[in-house]
Amino acid sequence: MTEWATINVHVLTVNCCSNIFSKALQILPTWPSVPTEYTTVYLLKLYLSNALSDISELVLLFGLSSEDILLIGTKILLNTN
């Protein structure tokens, strides 16, 4: 039962992160000379690298690693599963 609950809580967290990110990523800038999906993915990766700002609160909010958040964001941006 505990294992089932842990898995489902993780799935719900990922879904929550995905829903929030799909809305938030719409405001990132785009440049006409570069395909949107690559530019935005690069900006997301740069932000999540912790080089520009402290993302510890974001990591704590979702309970996911920055790599997992980047993967979710990339799937949303590239419209893949």
Protein backbone atom coordinates (compact mmCIF):
# COMPACT_ATOMS: atom_id res chain seq x y z
CA MET A 1 0.00 0.00 0.00
CA THR A 2 2.82 2.40 0.89
CA GLU A 3 4.63 1.66 -2.37
CA TRP A 4 1.40 2.24 -4.36
CA ALA A 5 0.81 5.55 -2.56
CA THR A 6 4.39 6.69 -3.14
CA ILE A 7 4.17 5.96 -6.86
CA ASN A 8 0.82 7.72 -7.22
CA VAL A 9 1.94 10.77 -5.25
CA HIS A 10 4.95 11.01 -7.56
CA VAL A 11 2.71 10.73 -10.65
CA LEU A 12 0.41 13.46 -9.30
CA THR A 13 3.41 15.70 -8.58
CA VAL A 14 4.72 15.24 -12.12
CA ASN A 15 1.26 15.98 -13.55
CA CYS A 16 0.97 19.10 -11.40
CA CYS A 17 4.41 20.23 -12.54
CA SER A 18 3.45 19.54 -16.15
CA ASN A 19 0.23 21.56 -15.92
CA ILE A 20 1.91 24.55 -14.29
CA PHE A 21 4.85 24.46 -16.72
CA SER A 22 2.64 24.24 -19.79
CA LYS A 23 1.06 27.56 -18.77
CA ALA A 24 4.29 29.20 -17.60
CA LEU A 25 6.32 28.29 -20.69
CA GLN A 26 3.95 30.23 -22.93
CA ILE A 27 5.49 33.51 -21.72
CA LEU A 28 9.08 32.71 -22.66
CA PRO A 29 10.37 34.79 -25.57
CA THR A 30 10.80 33.45 -29.07
CA TRP A 31 13.03 34.52 -31.95
CA PRO A 32 11.87 34.13 -35.56
CA SER A 33 15.31 33.05 -36.79
CA VAL A 34 15.49 30.03 -34.45
CA PRO A 35 12.94 27.21 -34.17
CA THR A 36 10.82 28.02 -31.12
CA GLU A 37 11.11 24.59 -29.52
CA TYR A 38 14.91 24.71 -29.38
CA THR A 39 15.24 28.30 -28.17
CA THR A 40 12.71 27.86 -25.41
CA VAL A 41 14.20 24.53 -24.32
CA TYR A 42 17.61 26.22 -24.14
CA LEU A 43 16.22 29.07 -22.01
CA LEU A 44 14.50 26.56 -19.73
CA LYS A 45 17.72 24.55 -19.37
CA LEU A 46 19.66 27.74 -18.64
CA TYR A 47 17.17 28.75 -15.95
CA LEU A 48 17.11 25.29 -14.36
CA SER A 49 20.91 25.12 -14.34
CA ASN A 50 20.86 27.31 -11.21
CA ALA A 51 23.30 29.69 -12.94
CA LEU A 52 20.87 32.61 -13.27
CA SER A 53 18.90 32.29 -10.06
CA ASP A 54 18.32 30.01 -7.10
CA ILE A 55 15.74 27.41 -8.10
CA SER A 56 15.71 25.55 -4.79
CA GLU A 57 12.18 26.79 -4.01
CA LEU A 58 10.94 25.46 -7.35
CA VAL A 59 12.60 22.10 -6.68
CA LEU A 60 11.03 21.99 -3.21
CA LEU A 61 7.61 23.00 -4.57
CA PHE A 62 7.44 20.12 -7.01
CA GLY A 63 9.55 17.66 -5.04
CA LEU A 64 11.40 16.80 -8.26
CA SER A 65 15.00 17.24 -9.32
CA SER A 66 15.89 20.03 -11.75
CA GLU A 67 16.63 17.33 -14.33
CA ASP A 68 13.12 15.90 -13.96
CA ILE A 69 11.60 19.37 -14.26
CA LEU A 70 13.69 20.02 -17.39
CA LEU A 71 12.52 16.71 -18.87
CA ILE A 72 8.87 17.58 -18.20
CA GLY A 73 9.33 21.06 -19.66
CA THR A 74 11.07 19.67 -22.74
CA LYS A 75 8.27 17.16 -23.33
CA ILE A 76 5.72 19.98 -23.12
CA LEU A 77 7.69 22.26 -25.44
CA LEU A 78 8.33 19.55 -28.03
CA ASN A 79 4.84 18.13 -27.62
CA THR A 80 6.08 14.58 -27.02
CA ASN A 81 5.36 11.86 -24.47
